[in-house]
C-alpha atoms as a PDB file:
ATOM      1  CA  UNK A   1      41.708 -37.184 -25.508  1.00  0.00           C
ATOM      2  CA  UNK A   2      45.466 -37.176 -26.135  1.00  0.00           C
ATOM      3  CA  UNK A   3      47.913 -36.321 -28.882  1.00  0.00           C
ATOM      4  CA  UNK A   4      50.252 -39.316 -28.994  1.00  0.00           C
ATOM      5  CA  UNK A   5      50.659 -42.193 -31.434  1.00  0.00           C
ATOM      6  CA  UNK A   6      47.878 -44.359 -29.984  1.00  0.00           C
ATOM      7  CA  UNK A   7      45.421 -41.439 -29.937  1.00  0.00           C
ATOM      8  CA  UNK A   8      46.365 -40.681 -33.544  1.00  0.00           C
ATOM      9  CA  UNK A   9      45.854 -44.305 -34.582  1.00  0.00           C
ATOM     10  CA  UNK A  10      42.442 -44.477 -32.914  1.00  0.00           C
ATOM     11  CA  UNK A  11      41.380 -41.204 -34.539  1.00  0.00           C
ATOM     12  CA  UNK A  12      42.371 -42.649 -37.908  1.00  0.00           C
ATOM     13  CA  UNK A  13      40.264 -45.777 -37.272  1.00  0.00           C
ATOM     14  CA  UNK A  14      37.205 -43.822 -36.174  1.00  0.00           C
ATOM     15  CA  UNK A  15      37.412 -41.436 -39.111  1.00  0.00           C
ATOM     16  CA  UNK A  16      37.910 -44.277 -41.611  1.00  0.00           C
ATOM     17  CA  UNK A  17      34.835 -45.884 -40.097  1.00  0.00           C
ATOM     18  CA  UNK A  18      32.820 -43.054 -41.586  1.00  0.00           C
ATOM     19  CA  UNK A  19      32.291 -40.898 -38.511  1.00  0.00           C
ATOM     20  CA  UNK A  20      31.464 -37.488 -39.928  1.00  0.00           C
ATOM     21  CA  UNK A  21      33.361 -35.364 -37.416  1.00  0.00           C
ATOM     22  CA  UNK A  22      35.312 -35.839 -34.219  1.00  0.00           C
ATOM     23  CA  UNK A  23      36.380 -33.602 -31.368  1.00  0.00           C
ATOM     24  CA  UNK A  24      40.067 -33.933 -30.491  1.00  0.00           C
ATOM     25  CA  UNK A  25      41.644 -32.607 -27.306  1.00  0.00           C
ATOM     26  CA  UNK A  26      45.388 -31.963 -27.255  1.00  0.00           C
ATOM     27  CA  UNK A  27      47.057 -30.209 -24.374  1.00  0.00           C
ATOM     28  CA  UNK A  28      49.464 -28.097 -26.450  1.00  0.00           C
ATOM     29  CA  UNK A  29      48.008 -25.395 -28.741  1.00  0.00           C
ATOM     30  CA  UNK A  30      51.230 -25.406 -30.809  1.00  0.00           C
ATOM     31  CA  UNK A  31      50.696 -29.067 -31.705  1.00  0.00           C
ATOM     32  CA  UNK A  32      47.154 -28.261 -32.846  1.00  0.00           C
ATOM     33  CA  UNK A  33      48.317 -25.358 -35.008  1.00  0.00           C
ATOM     34  CA  UNK A  34      50.995 -27.493 -36.656  1.00  0.00           C
ATOM     35  CA  UNK A  35      48.467 -30.292 -37.175  1.00  0.00           C
ATOM     36  CA  UNK A  36      46.035 -27.935 -38.942  1.00  0.00           C
ATOM     37  CA  UNK A  37      48.792 -26.498 -41.109  1.00  0.00           C
ATOM     38  CA  UNK A  38      50.372 -29.811 -42.093  1.00  0.00           C
ATOM     39  CA  UNK A  39      47.300 -32.049 -42.192  1.00  0.00           C
ATOM     40  CA  UNK A  40      48.928 -34.611 -39.919  1.00  0.00           C
ATOM     41  CA  UNK A  41      50.127 -34.983 -36.363  1.00  0.00           C
ATOM     42  CA  UNK A  42      53.533 -33.242 -36.373  1.00  0.00           C
ATOM     43  CA  UNK A  43      54.898 -35.381 -33.541  1.00  0.00           C
ATOM     44  CA  UNK A  44      53.474 -38.891 -34.014  1.00  0.00           C
ATOM     45  CA  UNK A  45      52.571 -41.102 -37.006  1.00  0.00           C
ATOM     46  CA  UNK A  46      53.289 -38.171 -39.304  1.00  0.00           C
ATOM     47  CA  UNK A  47      52.689 -40.338 -42.387  1.00  0.00           C
ATOM     48  CA  UNK A  48      48.964 -40.500 -41.548  1.00  0.00           C
ATOM     49  CA  UNK A  49      47.114 -37.647 -43.249  1.00  0.00           C
ATOM     50  CA  UNK A  50      43.798 -36.345 -41.935  1.00  0.00           C
ATOM     51  CA  UNK A  51      40.962 -34.309 -43.387  1.00  0.00           C
ATOM     52  CA  UNK A  52      41.195 -31.612 -40.729  1.00  0.00           C
ATOM     53  CA  UNK A  53      37.880 -30.103 -41.841  1.00  0.00           C
ATOM     54  CA  UNK A  54      36.319 -33.092 -40.077  1.00  0.00           C
ATOM     55  CA  UNK A  55      38.133 -32.437 -36.816  1.00  0.00           C
ATOM     56  CA  UNK A  56      37.251 -29.921 -34.115  1.00  0.00           C
ATOM     57  CA  UNK A  57      40.486 -29.376 -32.181  1.00  0.00           C
ATOM     58  CA  UNK A  58      40.483 -28.229 -28.556  1.00  0.00           C
ATOM     59  CA  UNK A  59      43.281 -27.316 -26.185  1.00  0.00           C
ATOM     60  CA  UNK A  60      40.672 -26.598 -23.507  1.00  0.00           C
ATOM     61  CA  UNK A  61      39.602 -29.889 -21.975  1.00  0.00           C
ATOM     62  CA  UNK A  62      36.318 -28.506 -20.621  1.00  0.00           C
ATOM     63  CA  UNK A  63      35.160 -27.272 -24.029  1.00  0.00           C
ATOM     64  CA  UNK A  64      36.079 -30.611 -25.602  1.00  0.00           C
ATOM     65  CA  UNK A  65      34.173 -32.548 -22.959  1.00  0.00           C
ATOM     66  CA  UNK A  66      31.145 -30.260 -23.147  1.00  0.00           C
ATOM     67  CA  UNK A  67      30.802 -30.884 -26.893  1.00  0.00           C
ATOM     68  CA  UNK A  68      31.171 -34.676 -26.669  1.00  0.00           C
ATOM     69  CA  UNK A  69      29.028 -37.619 -25.591  1.00  0.00           C
ATOM     70  CA  UNK A  70      31.782 -40.227 -25.729  1.00  0.00           C
ATOM     71  CA  UNK A  71      35.257 -39.553 -24.334  1.00  0.00           C
ATOM     72  CA  UNK A  72      38.083 -41.767 -25.613  1.00  0.00           C
ATOM     73  CA  UNK A  73      41.145 -41.472 -23.381  1.00  0.00           C
ATOM     74  CA  UNK A  74      44.475 -42.350 -24.988  1.00  0.00           C
ATOM     75  CA  UNK A  75      46.996 -40.684 -22.705  1.00  0.00           C
ATOM     76  CA  UNK A  76      49.806 -42.502 -20.840  1.00  0.00           C
ATOM     77  CA  UNK A  77      48.526 -43.747 -17.484  1.00  0.00           C
ATOM     78  CA  UNK A  78      51.119 -41.815 -15.409  1.00  0.00           C
ATOM     79  CA  UNK A  79      49.824 -38.543 -16.903  1.00  0.00           C
ATOM     80  CA  UNK A  80      46.077 -39.149 -16.740  1.00  0.00           C
ATOM     81  CA  UNK A  81      45.531 -37.236 -13.492  1.00  0.00           C
ATOM     82  CA  UNK A  82      47.624 -34.334 -14.821  1.00  0.00           C
ATOM     83  CA  UNK A  83      45.429 -34.146 -17.945  1.00  0.00           C
ATOM     84  CA  UNK A  84      42.298 -34.134 -15.796  1.00  0.00           C
ATOM     85  CA  UNK A  85      43.448 -31.474 -13.327  1.00  0.00           C
ATOM     86  CA  UNK A  86      41.683 -28.680 -15.210  1.00  0.00           C
ATOM     87  CA  UNK A  87      38.508 -30.674 -15.788  1.00  0.00           C
ATOM     88  CA  UNK A  88      35.516 -29.116 -14.040  1.00  0.00           C
ATOM     89  CA  UNK A  89      32.749 -30.418 -16.323  1.00  0.00           C
ATOM     90  CA  UNK A  90      30.492 -33.167 -15.011  1.00  0.00           C
ATOM     91  CA  UNK A  91      31.298 -36.340 -16.949  1.00  0.00           C
ATOM     92  CA  UNK A  92      29.091 -38.730 -14.975  1.00  0.00           C
ATOM     93  CA  UNK A  93      26.646 -38.883 -17.891  1.00  0.00           C
ATOM     94  CA  UNK A  94      29.297 -39.473 -20.562  1.00  0.00           C
ATOM     95  CA  UNK A  95      30.441 -42.761 -22.062  1.00  0.00           C
ATOM     96  CA  UNK A  96      34.080 -43.267 -21.100  1.00  0.00           C
ATOM     97  CA  UNK A  97      36.317 -45.389 -23.327  1.00  0.00           C
ATOM     98  CA  UNK A  98      39.793 -46.104 -21.980  1.00  0.00           C
ATOM     99  CA  UNK A  99      42.517 -46.930 -24.469  1.00  0.00           C
ATOM    100  CA  UNK A 100      45.047 -46.653 -21.639  1.00  0.00           C
ATOM    101  CA  UNK A 101      47.037 -49.800 -20.918  1.00  0.00           C
ATOM    102  CA  UNK A 102      48.027 -49.142 -17.344  1.00  0.00           C
ATOM    103  CA  UNK A 103      46.779 -48.295 -13.866  1.00  0.00           C
ATOM    104  CA  UNK A 104      46.656 -44.944 -12.068  1.00  0.00           C
ATOM    105  CA  UNK A 105      49.900 -44.616 -10.081  1.00  0.00           C
ATOM    106  CA  UNK A 106      49.729 -43.793  -6.364  1.00  0.00           C
ATOM    107  CA  UNK A 107      46.065 -44.814  -6.172  1.00  0.00           C
ATOM    108  CA  UNK A 108      46.976 -48.166  -7.774  1.00  0.00           C
ATOM    109  CA  UNK A 109      43.520 -48.519  -9.301  1.00  0.00           C
ATOM    110  CA  UNK A 110      42.363 -49.471 -12.767  1.00  0.00           C
ATOM    111  CA  UNK A 111      41.382 -46.665 -15.137  1.00  0.00           C
ATOM    112  CA  UNK A 112      37.740 -47.748 -15.043  1.00  0.00           C
ATOM    113  CA  UNK A 113      37.708 -47.769 -11.238  1.00  0.00           C
ATOM    114  CA  UNK A 114      39.310 -44.323 -11.156  1.00  0.00           C
ATOM    115  CA  UNK A 115      36.592 -42.795 -13.349  1.00  0.00           C
ATOM    116  CA  UNK A 116      33.921 -44.567 -11.344  1.00  0.00           C
ATOM    117  CA  UNK A 117      35.183 -43.470  -7.920  1.00  0.00           C
ATOM    118  CA  UNK A 118      36.499 -40.007  -8.791  1.00  0.00           C
ATOM    119  CA  UNK A 119      33.961 -38.826 -11.377  1.00  0.00           C
ATOM    120  CA  UNK A 120      30.898 -40.941 -10.506  1.00  0.00           C
ATOM    121  CA  UNK A 121      30.714 -42.526 -13.961  1.00  0.00           C
ATOM    122  CA  UNK A 122      28.614 -45.729 -13.724  1.00  0.00           C
ATOM    123  CA  UNK A 123      30.593 -48.872 -14.516  1.00  0.00           C
ATOM    124  CA  UNK A 124      28.046 -49.712 -17.230  1.00  0.00           C
ATOM    125  CA  UNK A 125      29.152 -46.534 -19.032  1.00  0.00           C
ATOM    126  CA  UNK A 126      32.873 -47.364 -18.968  1.00  0.00           C
ATOM    127  CA  UNK A 127      34.649 -49.450 -21.591  1.00  0.00           C
ATOM    128  CA  UNK A 128      38.223 -50.397 -22.421  1.00  0.00           C
ATOM    129  CA  UNK A 129      39.882 -50.930 -25.799  1.00  0.00           C
ATOM    130  CA  UNK A 130      42.555 -53.622 -25.848  1.00  0.00           C
ATOM    131  CA  UNK A 131      44.174 -56.250 -28.025  1.00  0.00           C
ATOM    132  CA  UNK A 132      47.250 -56.772 -30.213  1.00  0.00           C
ATOM    133  CA  UNK A 133      47.134 -53.532 -32.147  1.00  0.00           C
ATOM    134  CA  UNK A 134      50.256 -51.371 -32.485  1.00  0.00           C
ATOM    135  CA  UNK A 135      49.675 -47.790 -33.589  1.00  0.00           C
ATOM    136  CA  UNK A 136      52.404 -48.095 -36.220  1.00  0.00           C
ATOM    137  CA  UNK A 137      50.603 -50.973 -37.942  1.00  0.00           C
ATOM    138  CA  UNK A 138      47.316 -49.069 -37.861  1.00  0.00           C
ATOM    139  CA  UNK A 139      49.149 -46.285 -39.673  1.00  0.00           C
ATOM    140  CA  UNK A 140      50.156 -48.828 -42.338  1.00  0.00           C
ATOM    141  CA  UNK A 141      46.573 -50.179 -42.437  1.00  0.00           C
ATOM    142  CA  UNK A 142      47.690 -53.695 -41.610  1.00  0.00           C
ATOM    143  CA  UNK A 143      44.966 -56.046 -40.402  1.00  0.00           C
ATOM    144  CA  UNK A 144      44.492 -55.677 -36.638  1.00  0.00           C
ATOM    145  CA  UNK A 145      42.066 -56.904 -33.976  1.00  0.00           C
ATOM    146  CA  UNK A 146      40.568 -54.968 -31.082  1.00  0.00           C
ATOM    147  CA  UNK A 147      38.384 -56.069 -28.182  1.00  0.00           C
ATOM    148  CA  UNK A 148      35.926 -53.678 -26.545  1.00  0.00           C
ATOM    149  CA  UNK A 149      35.261 -54.613 -22.923  1.00  0.00           C
ATOM    150  CA  UNK A 150      32.314 -53.234 -20.970  1.00  0.00           C
ATOM    151  CA  UNK A 151      30.019 -54.657 -18.247  1.00  0.00           C
ATOM    152  CA  UNK A 152      27.145 -53.724 -20.580  1.00  0.00           C
ATOM    153  CA  UNK A 153      27.703 -55.873 -23.657  1.00  0.00           C
ATOM    154  CA  UNK A 154      25.135 -53.962 -25.701  1.00  0.00           C
ATOM    155  CA  UNK A 155      27.088 -50.764 -25.092  1.00  0.00           C
ATOM    156  CA  UNK A 156      30.290 -52.623 -25.959  1.00  0.00           C
ATOM    157  CA  UNK A 157      28.771 -53.602 -29.332  1.00  0.00           C
ATOM    158  CA  UNK A 158      27.750 -49.999 -30.013  1.00  0.00           C
ATOM    159  CA  UNK A 159      31.273 -48.785 -29.262  1.00  0.00           C
ATOM    160  CA  UNK A 160      32.811 -51.609 -31.308  1.00  0.00           C
ATOM    161  CA  UNK A 161      30.924 -50.431 -34.392  1.00  0.00           C
ATOM    162  CA  UNK A 162      32.824 -47.130 -34.197  1.00  0.00           C
ATOM    163  CA  UNK A 163      36.190 -48.910 -34.222  1.00  0.00           C
ATOM    164  CA  UNK A 164      35.512 -51.332 -37.046  1.00  0.00           C
ATOM    165  CA  UNK A 165      36.899 -50.547 -40.482  1.00  0.00           C
ATOM    166  CA  UNK A 166      38.363 -52.397 -43.462  1.00  0.00           C
ATOM    167  CA  UNK A 167      41.603 -53.187 -41.602  1.00  0.00           C
ATOM    168  CA  UNK A 168      40.357 -53.444 -37.999  1.00  0.00           C
ATOM    169  CA  UNK A 169      38.108 -56.237 -36.757  1.00  0.00           C
ATOM    170  CA  UNK A 170      36.441 -55.990 -33.357  1.00  0.00           C
ATOM    171  CA  UNK A 171      34.934 -58.276 -30.768  1.00  0.00           C
ATOM    172  CA  UNK A 172      33.288 -57.569 -27.415  1.00  0.00           C
ATOM    173  CA  UNK A 173      33.698 -58.802 -23.859  1.00  0.00           C
ATOM    174  CA  UNK A 174      32.249 -58.130 -20.415  1.00  0.00           C
ATOM    175  CA  UNK A 175      35.605 -58.839 -18.700  1.00  0.00           C
ATOM    176  CA  UNK A 176      36.479 -55.182 -18.168  1.00  0.00           C
ATOM    177  CA  UNK A 177      38.682 -55.644 -15.085  1.00  0.00           C
ATOM    178  CA  UNK A 178      40.442 -58.739 -16.384  1.00  0.00           C
ATOM    179  CA  UNK A 179      41.280 -57.114 -19.695  1.00  0.00           C
ATOM    180  CA  UNK A 180      42.491 -53.919 -18.027  1.00  0.00           C
ATOM    181  CA  UNK A 181      44.771 -55.903 -15.724  1.00  0.00           C
ATOM    182  CA  UNK A 182      46.027 -58.080 -18.565  1.00  0.00           C
ATOM    183  CA  UNK A 183      46.738 -55.012 -20.715  1.00  0.00           C
ATOM    184  CA  UNK A 184      48.760 -53.573 -17.853  1.00  0.00           C
ATOM    185  CA  UNK A 185      50.674 -56.751 -17.037  1.00  0.00           C
ATOM    186  CA  UNK A 186      51.704 -57.500 -20.617  1.00  0.00           C
ATOM    187  CA  UNK A 187      53.811 -54.322 -20.563  1.00  0.00           C
ATOM    188  CA  UNK A 188      55.695 -55.635 -17.525  1.00  0.00           C
ATOM    189  CA  UNK A 189      56.435 -58.945 -19.235  1.00  0.00           C
ATOM    190  CA  UNK A 190      57.444 -57.140 -22.404  1.00  0.00           C
ATOM    191  CA  UNK A 191      60.104 -55.341 -20.367  1.00  0.00           C
ATOM    192  CA  UNK A 192      61.213 -58.743 -19.050  1.00  0.00           C
ATOM    193  CA  UNK A 193      61.477 -60.035 -22.628  1.00  0.00           C
ATOM    194  CA  UNK A 194      63.507 -56.979 -23.587  1.00  0.00           C
ATOM    195  CA  UNK A 195      65.848 -57.376 -20.626  1.00  0.00           C
ATOM    196  CA  UNK A 196      66.494 -60.992 -21.595  1.00  0.00           C
ATOM    197  CA  UNK A 197      67.044 -59.971 -25.205  1.00  0.00           C
ATOM    198  CA  UNK A 198      69.561 -57.355 -24.063  1.00  0.00           C
ATOM    199  CA  UNK A 199      71.313 -60.041 -22.017  1.00  0.00           C
ATOM    200  CA  UNK A 200      71.468 -62.189 -25.190  1.00  0.00           C
ATOM    201  CA  UNK A 201      69.138 -64.945 -24.046  1.00  0.00           C
ATOM    202  CA  UNK A 202      67.865 -66.748 -27.121  1.00  0.00           C
ATOM    203  CA  UNK A 203      64.490 -67.606 -28.637  1.00  0.00           C
ATOM    204  CA  UNK A 204      64.270 -70.892 -26.731  1.00  0.00           C
ATOM    205  CA  UNK A 205      64.380 -69.092 -23.400  1.00  0.00           C
ATOM    206  CA  UNK A 206      62.077 -66.314 -24.613  1.00  0.00           C
ATOM    207  CA  UNK A 207      59.382 -68.869 -25.406  1.00  0.00           C
ATOM    208  CA  UNK A 208      59.621 -70.274 -21.878  1.00  0.00           C
ATOM    209  CA  UNK A 209      59.573 -66.753 -20.419  1.00  0.00           C
ATOM    210  CA  UNK A 210      56.408 -65.783 -22.302  1.00  0.00           C
ATOM    211  CA  UNK A 211      54.730 -69.108 -21.491  1.00  0.00           C
ATOM    212  CA  UNK A 212      55.362 -68.483 -17.793  1.00  0.00           C
ATOM    213  CA  UNK A 213      54.257 -64.860 -18.190  1.00  0.00           C
ATOM    214  CA  UNK A 214      50.922 -66.064 -19.523  1.00  0.00           C
ATOM    215  CA  UNK A 215      50.502 -68.223 -16.447  1.00  0.00           C
ATOM    216  CA  UNK A 216      51.332 -65.295 -14.172  1.00  0.00           C
ATOM    217  CA  UNK A 217      48.744 -63.106 -15.882  1.00  0.00           C
ATOM    218  CA  UNK A 218      46.127 -65.834 -15.498  1.00  0.00           C
ATOM    219  CA  UNK A 219      46.926 -66.361 -11.816  1.00  0.00           C
ATOM    220  CA  UNK A 220      46.793 -62.663 -11.020  1.00  0.00           C
ATOM    221  CA  UNK A 221      43.610 -61.690 -12.859  1.00  0.00           C
ATOM    222  CA  UNK A 222      41.822 -64.815 -11.609  1.00  0.00           C
ATOM    223  CA  UNK A 223      42.720 -63.767  -8.062  1.00  0.00           C
ATOM    224  CA  UNK A 224      41.896 -60.081  -8.570  1.00  0.00           C
ATOM    225  CA  UNK A 225      38.711 -60.636 -10.578  1.00  0.00           C
ATOM    226  CA  UNK A 226      37.438 -64.239 -10.639  1.00  0.00           C
ATOM    227  CA  UNK A 227      35.523 -64.812 -13.867  1.00  0.00           C
ATOM    228  CA  UNK A 228      35.254 -67.481 -16.514  1.00  0.00           C
ATOM    229  CA  UNK A 229      37.723 -66.420 -19.212  1.00  0.00           C
ATOM    230  CA  UNK A 230      40.000 -67.946 -21.831  1.00  0.00           C
ATOM    231  CA  UNK A 231      43.500 -66.539 -21.339  1.00  0.00           C
ATOM    232  CA  UNK A 232      44.428 -67.769 -24.834  1.00  0.00           C
ATOM    233  CA  UNK A 233      42.132 -65.240 -26.542  1.00  0.00           C
ATOM    234  CA  UNK A 234      43.864 -62.523 -28.528  1.00  0.00           C
ATOM    235  CA  UNK A 235      42.994 -59.748 -26.082  1.00  0.00           C
ATOM    236  CA  UNK A 236      45.075 -61.524 -23.423  1.00  0.00           C
ATOM    237  CA  UNK A 237      47.686 -63.802 -25.026  1.00  0.00           C
ATOM    238  CA  UNK A 238      47.816 -62.025 -28.397  1.00  0.00           C
ATOM    239  CA  UNK A 239      48.472 -58.655 -26.784  1.00  0.00           C
ATOM    240  CA  UNK A 240      51.206 -60.190 -24.630  1.00  0.00           C
ATOM    241  CA  UNK A 241      52.872 -61.790 -27.651  1.00  0.00           C
ATOM    242  CA  UNK A 242      52.918 -58.716 -29.878  1.00  0.00           C
ATOM    243  CA  UNK A 243      54.161 -56.478 -27.071  1.00  0.00           C
ATOM    244  CA  UNK A 244      56.915 -58.928 -26.139  1.00  0.00           C
ATOM    245  CA  UNK A 245      58.179 -59.618 -29.667  1.00  0.00           C
ATOM    246  CA  UNK A 246      57.386 -56.616 -31.873  1.00  0.00           C
ATOM    247  CA  UNK A 247      59.983 -54.077 -32.962  1.00  0.00           C
ATOM    248  CA  UNK A 248      57.299 -51.437 -32.342  1.00  0.00           C
ATOM    249  CA  UNK A 249      57.042 -52.286 -28.627  1.00  0.00           C
ATOM    250  CA  UNK A 250      58.429 -49.433 -26.560  1.00  0.00           C
ATOM    251  CA  UNK A 251      58.349 -51.605 -23.416  1.00  0.00           C
ATOM    252  CA  UNK A 252      60.482 -54.284 -25.070  1.00  0.00           C
ATOM    253  CA  UNK A 253      62.841 -51.563 -26.321  1.00  0.00           C
ATOM    254  CA  UNK A 254      63.090 -50.125 -22.809  1.00  0.00           C
ATOM    255  CA  UNK A 255      63.821 -53.578 -21.386  1.00  0.00           C
ATOM    256  CA  UNK A 256      66.457 -54.275 -24.023  1.00  0.00           C
ATOM    257  CA  UNK A 257      68.291 -51.111 -23.033  1.00  0.00           C
ATOM    258  CA  UNK A 258      68.188 -52.139 -19.366  1.00  0.00           C
ATOM    259  CA  UNK A 259      69.522 -55.575 -20.288  1.00  0.00           C
ATOM    260  CA  UNK A 260      72.382 -53.959 -22.199  1.00  0.00           C
ATOM    261  CA  UNK A 261      73.414 -51.973 -19.135  1.00  0.00           C
ATOM    262  CA  UNK A 262      71.551 -48.668 -19.427  1.00  0.00           C
ATOM    263  CA  UNK A 263      70.313 -47.152 -16.185  1.00  0.00           C
ATOM    264  CA  UNK A 264      66.564 -46.655 -15.850  1.00  0.00           C
ATOM    265  CA  UNK A 265      66.976 -42.885 -16.106  1.00  0.00           C
ATOM    266  CA  UNK A 266      69.185 -43.085 -19.192  1.00  0.00           C
ATOM    267  CA  UNK A 267      66.821 -45.520 -20.899  1.00  0.00           C
ATOM    268  CA  UNK A 268      63.888 -43.157 -20.316  1.00  0.00           C
ATOM    269  CA  UNK A 269      65.839 -40.212 -21.720  1.00  0.00           C
ATOM    270  CA  UNK A 270      67.067 -42.137 -24.768  1.00  0.00           C
ATOM    271  CA  UNK A 271      63.589 -43.349 -25.696  1.00  0.00           C
ATOM    272  CA  UNK A 272      61.823 -39.984 -25.451  1.00  0.00           C
ATOM    273  CA  UNK A 273      58.598 -42.001 -25.068  1.00  0.00           C
ATOM    274  CA  UNK A 274      56.766 -43.517 -22.115  1.00  0.00           C
ATOM    275  CA  UNK A 275      57.318 -47.185 -21.272  1.00  0.00           C
ATOM    276  CA  UNK A 276      54.173 -47.722 -19.218  1.00  0.00           C
ATOM    277  CA  UNK A 277      55.418 -51.084 -17.998  1.00  0.00           C
ATOM    278  CA  UNK A 278      57.943 -49.277 -15.796  1.00  0.00           C
ATOM    279  CA  UNK A 279      55.147 -47.670 -13.775  1.00  0.00           C
ATOM    280  CA  UNK A 280      52.935 -50.761 -13.994  1.00  0.00           C
ATOM    281  CA  UNK A 281      55.635 -52.902 -12.384  1.00  0.00           C
ATOM    282  CA  UNK A 282      55.550 -50.920  -9.142  1.00  0.00           C
ATOM    283  CA  UNK A 283      51.760 -50.575  -9.157  1.00  0.00           C
ATOM    284  CA  UNK A 284      51.066 -54.280  -9.663  1.00  0.00           C
ATOM    285  CA  UNK A 285      53.777 -55.230  -7.150  1.00  0.00           C
ATOM    286  CA  UNK A 286      51.980 -53.105  -4.536  1.00  0.00           C
ATOM    287  CA  UNK A 287      48.514 -54.326  -5.530  1.00  0.00           C
ATOM    288  CA  UNK A 288      49.721 -57.918  -5.242  1.00  0.00           C
ATOM    289  CA  UNK A 289      50.470 -57.339  -1.564  1.00  0.00           C
ATOM    290  CA  UNK A 290      46.713 -57.859  -1.117  1.00  0.00           C
ATOM    291  CA  UNK A 291      46.479 -61.019  -3.232  1.00  0.00           C
ATOM    292  CA  UNK A 292      49.844 -62.740  -2.603  1.00  0.00           C
ATOM    293  CA  UNK A 293      49.912 -64.296  -6.077  1.00  0.00           C
ATOM    294  CA  UNK A 294      53.121 -66.104  -7.007  1.00  0.00           C
ATOM    295  CA  UNK A 295      54.668 -63.792  -9.642  1.00  0.00           C
ATOM    296  CA  UNK A 296      58.425 -64.435  -9.944  1.00  0.00           C
ATOM    297  CA  UNK A 297      58.798 -62.638 -13.294  1.00  0.00           C
ATOM    298  CA  UNK A 298      57.061 -59.510 -12.011  1.00  0.00           C
ATOM    299  CA  UNK A 299      59.242 -59.652  -8.883  1.00  0.00           C
ATOM    300  CA  UNK A 300      62.384 -59.965 -10.989  1.00  0.00           C
ATOM    301  CA  UNK A 301      61.499 -56.946 -13.131  1.00  0.00           C
ATOM    302  CA  UNK A 302      60.688 -54.962  -9.987  1.00  0.00           C
ATOM    303  CA  UNK A 303      64.039 -55.863  -8.407  1.00  0.00           C
ATOM    304  CA  UNK A 304      65.899 -54.774 -11.540  1.00  0.00           C
ATOM    305  CA  UNK A 305      64.021 -51.496 -12.084  1.00  0.00           C
ATOM    306  CA  UNK A 306      63.414 -50.354  -8.505  1.00  0.00           C
ATOM    307  CA  UNK A 307      65.906 -52.199  -6.295  1.00  0.00           C
ATOM    308  CA  UNK A 308      68.772 -51.768  -8.794  1.00  0.00           C
ATOM    309  CA  UNK A 309      69.673 -55.440  -8.733  1.00  0.00           C
ATOM    310  CA  UNK A 310      71.957 -56.445 -11.615  1.00  0.00           C
ATOM    311  CA  UNK A 311      69.840 -57.666 -14.568  1.00  0.00           C
ATOM    312  CA  UNK A 312      72.307 -60.488 -15.204  1.00  0.00           C
ATOM    313  CA  UNK A 313      72.113 -61.754 -11.623  1.00  0.00           C
ATOM    314  CA  UNK A 314      68.333 -61.345 -11.289  1.00  0.00           C
ATOM    315  CA  UNK A 315      67.491 -63.105 -14.563  1.00  0.00           C
ATOM    316  CA  UNK A 316      69.945 -65.929 -13.726  1.00  0.00           C
ATOM    317  CA  UNK A 317      68.032 -66.467 -10.477  1.00  0.00           C
ATOM    318  CA  UNK A 318      64.734 -66.299 -12.376  1.00  0.00           C
ATOM    319  CA  UNK A 319      65.785 -69.064 -14.769  1.00  0.00           C
ATOM    320  CA  UNK A 320      65.792 -71.484 -11.841  1.00  0.00           C
ATOM    321  CA  UNK A 321      62.074 -70.940 -11.156  1.00  0.00           C
ATOM    322  CA  UNK A 322      60.751 -71.178 -14.731  1.00  0.00           C
ATOM    323  CA  UNK A 323      59.450 -74.386 -16.276  1.00  0.00           C
END
């Protein structure tokens, strides 16, 4: 479900796994027609070629859902509700796999919670895919690691088998909420890293920033969903690191532009891609009004993006609170 780079990367993984055929929903019929003609996604990861005879394309979401048992959502979180507006099929009996690293704006709920409350999908039938795995490196078939999180670990193992191939290793977890929150927060801290990079802070400071970011993630998810977890595992810390440092990170790129003096609007227009951390910053800030977790880095990013405080001034103030 989705036609972007992450959806394309996941489709590549599943098809390399040996899955005979997949159903693929894309909103725009023109993108589907170009895909069939060219043998690759015309807009994203165009170097990845597909055997289109093994793909059933749909621009009608209800037909795609009707023909599928497992629905893998890989759309940007701000647009999820828009994609689902035309959905009138009952999906309560489907397995839902979220590859979305964000929360639903306005409702300020996790993707899993949204499907549970809005579409009556049991939590045991909802999973999330997370971990340090950029779509661009999947396209290059570079070794990557994914974690499948689901309250039902047996179901998580079944799903994991579909996302394991010669260049992707998988593990499973029952920390669905914690991993969803961590996957959302790491985008916020990636923007912070980008802002500091744009302001010409060096590697020494970046290491302190990311160390403190890790602590913020741990404090928040332990408050929001108390559970025994190791924040140093790749699905938490690894995902934060790759998103904060990688040249492929759109959130870091967005932050770098802000640090260099771009306005939020101009940065969005220049990128032509969604930086989900922008939306996540406001959502988590509002969610944290219930938990009152000490999150100075999140607050700093919020002040820069939404209160229009000067990045230079805000980050200078932040440096006084980091250790």
